[in-house]
């Protein structure tokens, strides 16, 4: 996967209700469901990649509980390993835009799937 990442590329994460900025690059919503009450125009996402979100079973089990974070990451990384086409979509966007912002709907800023996905992408592209 390394061939997709140019030098000086960056992966960011941002809560869906945070205002988009020019520095966001390509904005990719990484939730299975659209954030409640958020108009699509305000979200300004370039791609809604539902398939990259954790399975419903995993998401319900985790429930953004910090105590389950390590287990969630491990299980989510296993799911992500089976989604190479979706990972490649993100990395192609990053190559084209130099920056990709993974947009998520959860209120939890540290323990969410976008943070785990960012970590997975960074590990896979070292």
N, C-alpha and C. Protein backbone atom coordinates (compact mmCIF):
# COMPACT_ATOMS: atom_id res chain seq x y z
N UNK A 1 0.81 -1.20 0.00
CA UNK A 1 0.00 0.00 0.00
C UNK A 1 0.85 1.26 0.00
N UNK A 2 2.09 1.14 0.31
CA UNK A 2 2.97 2.29 0.36
C UNK A 2 2.99 3.11 -0.92
N UNK A 3 2.79 2.46 -2.06
CA UNK A 3 2.87 3.16 -3.33
C UNK A 3 1.81 4.25 -3.46
N UNK A 4 0.78 4.22 -2.64
CA UNK A 4 -0.28 5.22 -2.73
C UNK A 4 0.05 6.52 -2.01
N UNK A 5 0.95 6.48 -1.05
CA UNK A 5 1.18 7.66 -0.22
C UNK A 5 2.34 8.51 -0.71
N UNK A 6 2.07 9.74 -1.09
CA UNK A 6 3.17 10.64 -1.43
C UNK A 6 3.83 11.17 -0.18
N UNK A 7 5.02 11.70 -0.33
CA UNK A 7 5.67 12.34 0.81
C UNK A 7 4.83 13.54 1.23
N UNK A 8 4.92 13.89 2.48
CA UNK A 8 4.19 15.02 3.06
C UNK A 8 2.68 14.83 3.05
N UNK A 9 2.21 13.61 2.94
CA UNK A 9 0.77 13.39 3.01
C UNK A 9 0.35 13.35 4.47
N UNK A 10 -0.95 13.53 4.69
CA UNK A 10 -1.43 13.62 6.06
C UNK A 10 -2.84 13.04 6.17
N UNK A 11 -3.08 12.37 7.28
CA UNK A 11 -4.41 11.88 7.62
C UNK A 11 -4.84 12.60 8.89
N UNK A 12 -6.02 13.22 8.83
CA UNK A 12 -6.57 13.91 9.98
C UNK A 12 -7.91 13.27 10.33
N UNK A 13 -8.40 13.59 11.52
CA UNK A 13 -9.76 13.20 11.87
C UNK A 13 -10.49 14.45 12.36
N UNK A 14 -11.81 14.47 12.13
CA UNK A 14 -12.60 15.62 12.53
C UNK A 14 -14.04 15.19 12.79
N UNK A 15 -14.61 15.72 13.84
CA UNK A 15 -16.01 15.45 14.16
C UNK A 15 -16.87 16.11 13.08
N UNK A 16 -17.94 15.45 12.69
CA UNK A 16 -18.77 15.90 11.58
C UNK A 16 -19.34 17.31 11.79
N UNK A 17 -19.54 17.70 13.03
CA UNK A 17 -20.12 19.02 13.29
C UNK A 17 -19.07 20.14 13.31
N UNK A 18 -17.80 19.79 13.25
CA UNK A 18 -16.76 20.82 13.15
C UNK A 18 -16.78 21.41 11.74
N UNK A 19 -16.55 22.71 11.65
CA UNK A 19 -16.59 23.36 10.35
C UNK A 19 -15.48 22.85 9.44
N UNK A 20 -15.82 22.60 8.18
CA UNK A 20 -14.78 22.21 7.22
C UNK A 20 -13.82 23.37 6.97
N UNK A 21 -12.57 23.06 6.71
CA UNK A 21 -11.58 24.07 6.36
C UNK A 21 -10.83 23.63 5.11
N UNK A 22 -10.13 24.55 4.47
CA UNK A 22 -9.36 24.22 3.27
C UNK A 22 -8.30 23.17 3.57
N UNK A 23 -7.75 23.20 4.76
CA UNK A 23 -6.71 22.26 5.15
C UNK A 23 -7.18 20.83 5.33
N UNK A 24 -8.49 20.61 5.24
CA UNK A 24 -9.03 19.26 5.41
C UNK A 24 -8.70 18.35 4.22
N UNK A 25 -8.44 18.90 3.07
CA UNK A 25 -8.22 18.07 1.89
C UNK A 25 -9.50 17.34 1.55
N UNK A 26 -9.39 16.07 1.18
CA UNK A 26 -10.58 15.26 0.88
C UNK A 26 -11.22 14.83 2.20
N UNK A 27 -12.50 15.09 2.32
CA UNK A 27 -13.24 14.74 3.54
C UNK A 27 -14.02 13.46 3.29
N UNK A 28 -13.76 12.44 4.12
CA UNK A 28 -14.40 11.14 3.96
C UNK A 28 -15.15 10.79 5.23
N UNK A 29 -16.47 10.65 5.11
CA UNK A 29 -17.29 10.22 6.24
C UNK A 29 -17.11 8.72 6.41
N UNK A 30 -16.71 8.30 7.61
CA UNK A 30 -16.39 6.90 7.87
C UNK A 30 -17.39 6.24 8.83
N UNK A 31 -18.62 6.71 8.80
CA UNK A 31 -19.70 6.15 9.62
C UNK A 31 -20.67 5.38 8.73
N UNK A 32 -21.26 4.36 9.30
CA UNK A 32 -22.26 3.56 8.57
C UNK A 32 -23.57 4.33 8.39
N UNK A 33 -23.89 5.21 9.34
CA UNK A 33 -25.11 6.02 9.25
C UNK A 33 -24.74 7.50 9.23
N UNK A 34 -25.58 8.28 8.56
CA UNK A 34 -25.34 9.72 8.46
C UNK A 34 -25.54 10.35 9.85
N UNK A 35 -24.66 11.29 10.26
CA UNK A 35 -24.81 11.94 11.57
C UNK A 35 -26.17 12.64 11.70
N UNK A 36 -26.88 12.29 12.72
CA UNK A 36 -28.24 12.80 12.96
C UNK A 36 -28.28 14.32 13.00
N UNK A 37 -29.21 14.90 12.25
CA UNK A 37 -29.44 16.34 12.28
C UNK A 37 -28.41 17.17 11.54
N UNK A 38 -27.51 16.56 10.82
CA UNK A 38 -26.47 17.31 10.11
C UNK A 38 -26.81 17.38 8.62
N UNK A 39 -27.09 18.58 8.11
CA UNK A 39 -27.35 18.71 6.68
C UNK A 39 -26.11 18.34 5.85
N UNK A 40 -26.33 17.70 4.73
CA UNK A 40 -25.21 17.26 3.89
C UNK A 40 -24.33 18.43 3.44
N UNK A 41 -24.93 19.58 3.20
CA UNK A 41 -24.15 20.74 2.78
C UNK A 41 -23.15 21.18 3.86
N UNK A 42 -23.58 21.11 5.11
CA UNK A 42 -22.70 21.50 6.22
C UNK A 42 -21.57 20.50 6.43
N UNK A 43 -21.83 19.24 6.18
CA UNK A 43 -20.81 18.21 6.38
C UNK A 43 -19.71 18.32 5.33
N UNK A 44 -20.07 18.73 4.13
CA UNK A 44 -19.11 18.93 3.04
C UNK A 44 -18.19 17.72 2.85
N UNK A 45 -18.76 16.53 2.79
CA UNK A 45 -17.93 15.34 2.58
C UNK A 45 -17.79 15.07 1.08
N UNK A 46 -16.61 14.62 0.71
CA UNK A 46 -16.33 14.27 -0.68
C UNK A 46 -16.70 12.82 -0.97
N UNK A 47 -16.69 12.00 0.07
CA UNK A 47 -16.96 10.58 -0.09
C UNK A 47 -17.56 10.06 1.22
N UNK A 48 -18.63 9.32 1.11
CA UNK A 48 -19.22 8.65 2.27
C UNK A 48 -18.89 7.18 2.11
N UNK A 49 -17.95 6.69 2.91
CA UNK A 49 -17.45 5.33 2.80
C UNK A 49 -18.04 4.48 3.93
N UNK A 50 -19.31 4.13 3.78
CA UNK A 50 -20.04 3.37 4.81
C UNK A 50 -19.37 2.04 5.11
N UNK A 51 -18.83 1.42 4.07
CA UNK A 51 -18.28 0.07 4.19
C UNK A 51 -17.06 -0.01 5.11
N UNK A 52 -16.39 1.11 5.33
CA UNK A 52 -15.17 1.11 6.14
C UNK A 52 -15.50 1.18 7.63
N UNK A 53 -16.73 1.50 7.96
CA UNK A 53 -17.15 1.60 9.36
C UNK A 53 -17.11 0.22 10.03
N UNK A 54 -16.96 0.20 11.35
CA UNK A 54 -17.00 -1.08 12.07
C UNK A 54 -18.35 -1.78 11.85
N UNK A 55 -18.33 -3.08 11.94
CA UNK A 55 -19.58 -3.84 11.83
C UNK A 55 -20.54 -3.37 12.93
N UNK A 56 -21.81 -3.55 12.67
CA UNK A 56 -22.83 -3.16 13.65
C UNK A 56 -22.60 -3.87 14.98
N UNK A 57 -22.26 -5.14 14.92
CA UNK A 57 -22.01 -5.92 16.14
C UNK A 57 -20.84 -5.32 16.95
N UNK A 58 -19.75 -4.99 16.26
CA UNK A 58 -18.58 -4.42 16.94
C UNK A 58 -18.89 -3.04 17.50
N UNK A 59 -19.58 -2.23 16.71
CA UNK A 59 -19.92 -0.88 17.16
C UNK A 59 -20.78 -0.93 18.42
N UNK A 60 -21.78 -1.81 18.43
CA UNK A 60 -22.65 -1.92 19.61
C UNK A 60 -21.88 -2.43 20.82
N UNK A 61 -21.00 -3.40 20.61
CA UNK A 61 -20.20 -3.93 21.72
C UNK A 61 -19.31 -2.84 22.32
N UNK A 62 -18.66 -2.06 21.46
CA UNK A 62 -17.72 -1.04 21.92
C UNK A 62 -18.45 0.11 22.62
N UNK A 63 -19.45 0.67 21.99
CA UNK A 63 -20.25 1.75 22.56
C UNK A 63 -19.41 2.91 23.10
N UNK A 64 -18.27 3.16 22.46
CA UNK A 64 -17.35 4.26 22.83
C UNK A 64 -16.91 4.21 24.29
N UNK A 65 -16.77 3.00 24.81
CA UNK A 65 -16.32 2.79 26.18
C UNK A 65 -14.78 2.76 26.19
N UNK A 66 -14.13 3.75 26.79
CA UNK A 66 -12.66 3.78 26.81
C UNK A 66 -12.02 2.50 27.35
N UNK A 67 -12.71 1.79 28.24
CA UNK A 67 -12.16 0.55 28.80
C UNK A 67 -12.08 -0.56 27.74
N UNK A 68 -12.89 -0.45 26.69
CA UNK A 68 -12.90 -1.45 25.62
C UNK A 68 -12.06 -1.03 24.41
N UNK A 69 -11.38 0.11 24.50
CA UNK A 69 -10.65 0.67 23.36
C UNK A 69 -9.64 -0.30 22.75
N UNK A 70 -8.81 -0.92 23.57
CA UNK A 70 -7.79 -1.84 23.05
C UNK A 70 -8.44 -3.00 22.31
N UNK A 71 -9.45 -3.60 22.90
CA UNK A 71 -10.15 -4.70 22.25
C UNK A 71 -10.86 -4.26 20.97
N UNK A 72 -11.46 -3.07 21.03
CA UNK A 72 -12.12 -2.54 19.83
C UNK A 72 -11.12 -2.37 18.69
N UNK A 73 -9.99 -1.75 18.97
CA UNK A 73 -8.98 -1.52 17.94
C UNK A 73 -8.54 -2.84 17.32
N UNK A 74 -8.26 -3.83 18.14
CA UNK A 74 -7.82 -5.13 17.63
C UNK A 74 -8.87 -5.75 16.71
N UNK A 75 -10.12 -5.74 17.15
CA UNK A 75 -11.20 -6.34 16.35
C UNK A 75 -11.47 -5.53 15.09
N UNK A 76 -11.43 -4.22 15.21
CA UNK A 76 -11.66 -3.35 14.04
C UNK A 76 -10.52 -3.51 13.03
N UNK A 77 -9.29 -3.61 13.51
CA UNK A 77 -8.15 -3.82 12.60
C UNK A 77 -8.32 -5.13 11.84
N UNK A 78 -8.86 -6.15 12.50
CA UNK A 78 -9.13 -7.42 11.81
C UNK A 78 -10.16 -7.22 10.70
N UNK A 79 -11.20 -6.44 10.99
CA UNK A 79 -12.20 -6.14 9.96
C UNK A 79 -11.58 -5.33 8.82
N UNK A 80 -10.77 -4.34 9.16
CA UNK A 80 -10.15 -3.50 8.14
C UNK A 80 -9.22 -4.28 7.24
N UNK A 81 -8.57 -5.29 7.77
CA UNK A 81 -7.65 -6.10 6.97
C UNK A 81 -8.39 -6.81 5.83
N UNK A 82 -9.69 -6.97 5.96
CA UNK A 82 -10.50 -7.61 4.93
C UNK A 82 -11.11 -6.61 3.94
N UNK A 83 -10.81 -5.34 4.12
CA UNK A 83 -11.42 -4.28 3.30
C UNK A 83 -10.38 -3.52 2.49
N UNK A 84 -9.51 -4.24 1.82
CA UNK A 84 -8.40 -3.60 1.09
C UNK A 84 -8.88 -2.62 0.02
N UNK A 85 -9.99 -2.91 -0.65
CA UNK A 85 -10.49 -1.99 -1.69
C UNK A 85 -10.90 -0.65 -1.09
N UNK A 86 -11.53 -0.69 0.07
CA UNK A 86 -11.93 0.55 0.73
C UNK A 86 -10.72 1.32 1.26
N UNK A 87 -9.75 0.60 1.77
CA UNK A 87 -8.50 1.24 2.23
C UNK A 87 -7.82 1.92 1.05
N UNK A 88 -7.78 1.24 -0.08
CA UNK A 88 -7.15 1.80 -1.27
C UNK A 88 -7.87 3.07 -1.73
N UNK A 89 -9.20 3.13 -1.61
CA UNK A 89 -9.95 4.34 -1.97
C UNK A 89 -9.46 5.53 -1.14
N UNK A 90 -9.28 5.31 0.15
CA UNK A 90 -8.81 6.38 1.02
C UNK A 90 -7.40 6.81 0.63
N UNK A 91 -6.53 5.85 0.40
CA UNK A 91 -5.15 6.17 0.08
C UNK A 91 -5.03 6.86 -1.28
N UNK A 92 -5.88 6.52 -2.23
CA UNK A 92 -5.88 7.23 -3.53
C UNK A 92 -6.30 8.67 -3.35
N UNK A 93 -7.31 8.89 -2.49
CA UNK A 93 -7.74 10.27 -2.20
C UNK A 93 -6.60 11.05 -1.56
N UNK A 94 -5.87 10.38 -0.67
CA UNK A 94 -4.76 11.04 -0.01
C UNK A 94 -3.66 11.38 -1.00
N UNK A 95 -3.39 10.47 -1.90
CA UNK A 95 -2.36 10.72 -2.91
C UNK A 95 -2.73 11.93 -3.77
N UNK A 96 -3.99 12.00 -4.15
CA UNK A 96 -4.47 13.08 -5.01
C UNK A 96 -4.50 14.42 -4.27
N UNK A 97 -4.95 14.42 -3.02
CA UNK A 97 -5.18 15.66 -2.27
C UNK A 97 -4.10 16.01 -1.26
N UNK A 98 -3.17 15.10 -1.02
CA UNK A 98 -2.10 15.24 -0.01
C UNK A 98 -2.62 15.15 1.42
N UNK A 99 -3.89 15.47 1.62
CA UNK A 99 -4.49 15.41 2.95
C UNK A 99 -5.86 14.77 2.84
N UNK A 100 -6.16 13.90 3.79
CA UNK A 100 -7.48 13.30 3.91
C UNK A 100 -7.94 13.52 5.35
N UNK A 101 -9.18 13.94 5.49
CA UNK A 101 -9.77 14.07 6.82
C UNK A 101 -10.87 13.03 6.95
N UNK A 102 -10.70 12.16 7.93
CA UNK A 102 -11.70 11.14 8.23
C UNK A 102 -12.74 11.78 9.14
N UNK A 103 -13.95 11.89 8.66
CA UNK A 103 -15.03 12.56 9.37
C UNK A 103 -15.88 11.52 10.08
N UNK A 104 -16.20 11.78 11.35
CA UNK A 104 -16.98 10.84 12.16
C UNK A 104 -18.10 11.59 12.88
N UNK A 105 -19.15 10.88 13.23
CA UNK A 105 -20.30 11.50 13.87
C UNK A 105 -20.33 11.40 15.39
N UNK A 106 -19.55 10.52 15.96
CA UNK A 106 -19.58 10.30 17.42
C UNK A 106 -19.21 11.56 18.19
N UNK A 107 -19.74 11.67 19.39
CA UNK A 107 -19.38 12.79 20.27
C UNK A 107 -18.02 12.55 20.92
N UNK A 108 -17.64 11.30 21.07
CA UNK A 108 -16.37 10.93 21.69
C UNK A 108 -15.22 11.26 20.74
N UNK A 109 -14.32 12.13 21.17
CA UNK A 109 -13.25 12.61 20.29
C UNK A 109 -12.02 11.71 20.26
N UNK A 110 -11.76 10.94 21.30
CA UNK A 110 -10.54 10.12 21.33
C UNK A 110 -10.79 8.67 20.98
N UNK A 111 -11.91 8.15 21.41
CA UNK A 111 -12.19 6.72 21.26
C UNK A 111 -13.31 6.52 20.25
N UNK A 112 -12.95 6.60 18.97
CA UNK A 112 -13.94 6.43 17.91
C UNK A 112 -13.28 5.73 16.72
N UNK A 113 -14.11 5.28 15.78
CA UNK A 113 -13.58 4.50 14.67
C UNK A 113 -12.65 5.31 13.76
N UNK A 114 -12.84 6.62 13.65
CA UNK A 114 -11.95 7.42 12.81
C UNK A 114 -10.54 7.44 13.40
N UNK A 115 -10.43 7.53 14.72
CA UNK A 115 -9.11 7.51 15.37
C UNK A 115 -8.44 6.17 15.15
N UNK A 116 -9.20 5.09 15.26
CA UNK A 116 -8.64 3.75 15.03
C UNK A 116 -8.26 3.57 13.57
N UNK A 117 -9.11 4.03 12.66
CA UNK A 117 -8.83 3.91 11.23
C UNK A 117 -7.58 4.70 10.86
N UNK A 118 -7.43 5.88 11.40
CA UNK A 118 -6.23 6.70 11.16
C UNK A 118 -4.98 5.92 11.59
N UNK A 119 -5.03 5.34 12.76
CA UNK A 119 -3.91 4.55 13.27
C UNK A 119 -3.62 3.36 12.35
N UNK A 120 -4.66 2.67 11.91
CA UNK A 120 -4.51 1.53 11.01
C UNK A 120 -3.84 1.97 9.71
N UNK A 121 -4.31 3.07 9.12
CA UNK A 121 -3.75 3.56 7.86
C UNK A 121 -2.29 3.96 8.02
N UNK A 122 -1.99 4.63 9.12
CA UNK A 122 -0.60 5.05 9.35
C UNK A 122 0.31 3.86 9.56
N UNK A 123 -0.14 2.82 10.23
CA UNK A 123 0.66 1.63 10.43
C UNK A 123 0.90 0.90 9.10
N UNK A 124 -0.14 0.84 8.28
CA UNK A 124 -0.05 0.11 7.01
C UNK A 124 0.82 0.83 5.99
N UNK A 125 1.03 2.11 6.16
CA UNK A 125 1.76 2.89 5.14
C UNK A 125 3.16 3.28 5.58
N UNK A 126 3.63 2.74 6.69
CA UNK A 126 5.00 3.05 7.15
C UNK A 126 6.01 2.41 6.24
